[in-house]
Amino acid sequence: MSQMRNMLRGIGCDRQEPPGHILRRLDLAHHNLYPHTTATCLYGVLGERDDGTWTLEFSSAGHLPPLLITHDGDTRYLTGGHGLLLGVDADRSRPYATESLPARSTVLLSTDGLIERRGEGLDAGMTRLRQHAAALAREPLDTFCDELLTGLAADHADDVAVLAARLPPPHPRR
């Protein structure tokens, strides 16, 4: 995975293209270097527009969707831009999506190790994550992440990673 991550960084830095195009380039490299293997990946670019609003432009290769948590605790998965795992069909184009993000919201990316439980469907784990994240919506970001890990991954043997970004309050009008 570290080699894939480094290839993705190189491609993403070298090309100023939509996330679906970046993931397609990664898939082509993956196909040539690691035939007969698959991997999941989510590539996203968080950006601020001139008017002070924020967007997430992203593409997923079989990865869990990002979770959006508003400051008020509303949650929803960002399900656009979802495509096949890397290594399945390198010739297929990759979808991508752009989502507008509310001020003071949190975008959470995580590995499936955070939510998967033996003998339980993935939907149950995704619901549990939404509920837990909603209850922590107004906590400082470090507390938010620590509490998610403590509450959901404390007794889990699988690898777990979380990445969270908290957006600033709205800019005052000029």
Protein backbone atom coordinates (compact mmCIF):
# COMPACT_ATOMS: atom_id res chain seq x y z
CA MET A 1 0.00 0.00 0.00
CA SER A 2 2.85 2.42 0.66
CA GLN A 3 4.02 2.00 -2.94
CA MET A 4 0.48 2.65 -4.21
CA ARG A 5 0.18 5.71 -1.99
CA ASN A 6 3.47 7.09 -3.28
CA MET A 7 2.46 6.49 -6.90
CA LEU A 8 -0.83 8.28 -6.23
CA ARG A 9 0.99 11.25 -4.71
CA GLY A 10 3.28 11.48 -7.72
CA ILE A 11 0.44 11.26 -10.23
CA GLY A 12 -1.72 13.70 -8.27
CA CYS A 13 1.08 16.25 -7.95
CA ASP A 14 2.13 15.92 -11.58
CA ARG A 15 -1.35 16.13 -13.09
CA GLN A 16 -3.96 18.75 -12.43
CA GLU A 17 -6.84 16.55 -13.51
CA PRO A 18 -10.16 15.50 -11.99
CA PRO A 19 -9.91 12.74 -9.36
CA GLY A 20 -11.45 10.12 -11.68
CA HIS A 21 -8.67 10.71 -14.21
CA ILE A 22 -6.01 10.49 -11.49
CA LEU A 23 -7.41 7.15 -10.25
CA ARG A 24 -7.51 5.81 -13.81
CA ARG A 25 -3.82 6.63 -14.20
CA LEU A 26 -3.13 4.90 -10.87
CA ASP A 27 -5.15 1.88 -12.02
CA LEU A 28 -3.08 1.64 -15.22
CA ALA A 29 0.16 1.74 -13.21
CA HIS A 30 -1.25 -0.76 -10.70
CA HIS A 31 -2.25 -3.11 -13.52
CA ASN A 32 1.27 -3.03 -14.98
CA LEU A 33 3.15 -3.36 -11.69
CA TYR A 34 0.85 -5.65 -9.69
CA PRO A 35 -1.21 -7.75 -12.10
CA HIS A 36 -3.78 -10.05 -10.52
CA THR A 37 -4.12 -7.95 -7.35
CA THR A 38 -6.80 -5.51 -6.28
CA ALA A 39 -6.87 -2.59 -3.90
CA THR A 40 -9.28 0.06 -2.73
CA CYS A 41 -8.52 3.76 -2.86
CA LEU A 42 -10.26 7.06 -2.38
CA TYR A 43 -8.65 10.15 -3.90
CA GLY A 44 -10.05 13.54 -3.04
CA VAL A 45 -9.17 17.19 -3.27
CA LEU A 46 -10.56 19.54 -0.65
CA GLY A 47 -10.69 23.10 -1.91
CA GLU A 48 -11.96 26.55 -1.06
CA ARG A 49 -13.80 28.56 -3.69
CA ASP A 50 -13.42 32.30 -4.18
CA ASP A 51 -16.67 32.91 -2.28
CA GLY A 52 -15.34 31.11 0.82
CA THR A 53 -17.35 27.91 0.38
CA TRP A 54 -15.62 24.54 0.38
CA THR A 55 -15.89 21.53 -1.91
CA LEU A 56 -14.64 17.98 -1.97
CA GLU A 57 -13.92 16.58 -5.42
CA PHE A 58 -13.33 12.83 -5.19
CA SER A 59 -13.29 9.43 -6.81
CA SER A 60 -13.50 6.06 -5.11
CA ALA A 61 -12.10 2.74 -6.25
CA GLY A 62 -14.16 0.41 -4.09
CA HIS A 63 -13.39 2.32 -0.89
CA LEU A 64 -15.81 3.32 1.85
CA PRO A 65 -17.48 6.63 1.00
CA PRO A 66 -16.49 9.77 2.90
CA LEU A 67 -18.77 10.65 5.80
CA LEU A 68 -19.94 14.26 6.09
CA ILE A 69 -20.83 15.40 9.61
CA THR A 70 -22.36 18.87 9.96
CA HIS A 71 -21.74 21.07 12.97
CA ASP A 72 -25.31 20.27 14.07
CA GLY A 73 -24.66 16.52 13.94
CA ASP A 74 -26.43 15.63 10.69
CA THR A 75 -24.54 12.94 8.80
CA ARG A 76 -24.54 11.46 5.33
CA TYR A 77 -22.24 9.39 3.22
CA LEU A 78 -20.96 11.01 0.04
CA THR A 79 -21.72 8.19 -2.36
CA GLY A 80 -20.96 9.81 -5.71
CA GLY A 81 -17.84 8.99 -7.69
CA HIS A 82 -17.90 5.32 -6.74
CA GLY A 83 -16.16 2.84 -9.06
CA LEU A 84 -14.53 -0.58 -9.20
CA LEU A 85 -11.54 -1.61 -7.12
CA LEU A 86 -8.11 -0.93 -8.59
CA GLY A 87 -6.93 -3.92 -10.58
CA VAL A 88 -10.35 -5.04 -11.86
CA ASP A 89 -10.57 -3.18 -15.19
CA ALA A 90 -7.84 -0.64 -15.94
CA ASP A 91 -9.46 0.31 -19.25
CA ARG A 92 -12.70 1.54 -17.70
CA SER A 93 -13.10 5.26 -17.04
CA ARG A 94 -13.55 6.30 -13.43
CA PRO A 95 -16.39 8.45 -12.15
CA TYR A 96 -15.84 11.36 -9.80
CA ALA A 97 -18.09 13.68 -7.85
CA THR A 98 -18.01 17.16 -6.38
CA GLU A 99 -19.80 17.94 -3.12
CA SER A 100 -20.35 21.35 -1.55
CA LEU A 101 -19.50 21.24 2.14
CA PRO A 102 -21.13 23.32 4.86
CA ALA A 103 -19.01 25.58 7.05
CA ARG A 104 -17.80 23.98 10.30
CA SER A 105 -18.60 20.49 8.98
CA THR A 106 -16.23 17.53 9.24
CA VAL A 107 -15.30 15.17 6.43
CA LEU A 108 -14.23 11.75 7.67
CA LEU A 109 -12.35 9.12 5.69
CA SER A 110 -11.66 5.75 7.28
CA THR A 111 -10.60 2.22 6.50
CA ASP A 112 -13.10 -0.60 6.79
CA GLY A 113 -11.28 -1.85 9.89
CA LEU A 114 -13.05 0.89 11.84
CA ILE A 115 -16.52 -0.46 11.10
CA GLU A 116 -16.33 -4.12 10.08
CA ARG A 117 -17.37 -6.73 12.62
CA ARG A 118 -17.30 -10.48 12.15
CA GLY A 119 -20.76 -11.86 11.43
CA GLU A 120 -22.25 -8.41 10.78
CA GLY A 121 -23.16 -6.68 7.52
CA LEU A 122 -21.25 -3.59 6.43
CA ASP A 123 -24.43 -1.47 6.64
CA ALA A 124 -24.64 -2.02 10.41
CA GLY A 125 -21.08 -0.79 10.86
CA MET A 126 -21.70 2.23 8.63
CA THR A 127 -24.79 3.12 10.67
CA ARG A 128 -22.84 2.76 13.92
CA LEU A 129 -20.14 5.10 12.56
CA ARG A 130 -22.74 7.71 11.56
CA GLN A 131 -24.33 7.62 15.00
CA HIS A 132 -21.03 7.83 16.83
CA ALA A 133 -19.74 10.66 14.62
CA ALA A 134 -22.99 12.62 14.99
CA ALA A 135 -22.66 12.55 18.78
CA LEU A 136 -19.12 13.96 18.48
CA ALA A 137 -19.85 16.63 15.86
CA ARG A 138 -18.98 19.62 18.06
CA GLU A 139 -15.98 18.12 19.78
CA PRO A 140 -12.51 19.44 18.90
CA LEU A 141 -11.10 17.49 15.96
CA ASP A 142 -8.47 15.61 17.99
CA THR A 143 -11.11 14.54 20.52
CA PHE A 144 -13.47 13.61 17.67
CA CYS A 145 -10.87 11.26 16.16
CA ASP A 146 -9.72 9.82 19.50
CA GLU A 147 -13.29 9.08 20.56
CA LEU A 148 -14.12 7.41 17.25
CA LEU A 149 -11.11 5.15 17.62
CA THR A 150 -11.82 4.42 21.28
CA GLY A 151 -15.51 3.77 20.70
CA LEU A 152 -15.32 1.79 17.48
CA ALA A 153 -11.89 0.23 17.15
CA ALA A 154 -10.74 -0.46 20.72
CA ASP A 155 -11.03 -4.26 20.56
CA HIS A 156 -10.53 -4.70 16.84
CA ALA A 157 -7.64 -6.65 15.30
CA ASP A 158 -7.86 -5.19 11.77
CA ASP A 159 -5.82 -2.19 10.65
CA VAL A 160 -7.66 1.06 11.32
CA ALA A 161 -6.96 4.50 9.89
CA VAL A 162 -8.99 7.69 10.08
CA LEU A 163 -8.46 11.01 8.38
CA ALA A 164 -10.69 13.93 9.29
CA ALA A 165 -10.83 17.52 8.05
CA ARG A 166 -12.84 20.21 9.83
CA LEU A 167 -13.89 23.21 7.78
CA PRO A 168 -13.65 26.72 9.21
CA PRO A 169 -16.61 28.96 10.05
CA PRO A 170 -17.95 31.03 7.15
CA HIS A 171 -15.91 34.06 6.12
CA PRO A 172 -17.44 37.42 6.99
CA ARG A 173 -18.80 39.16 3.89
CA ARG A 174 -16.52 41.87 2.54
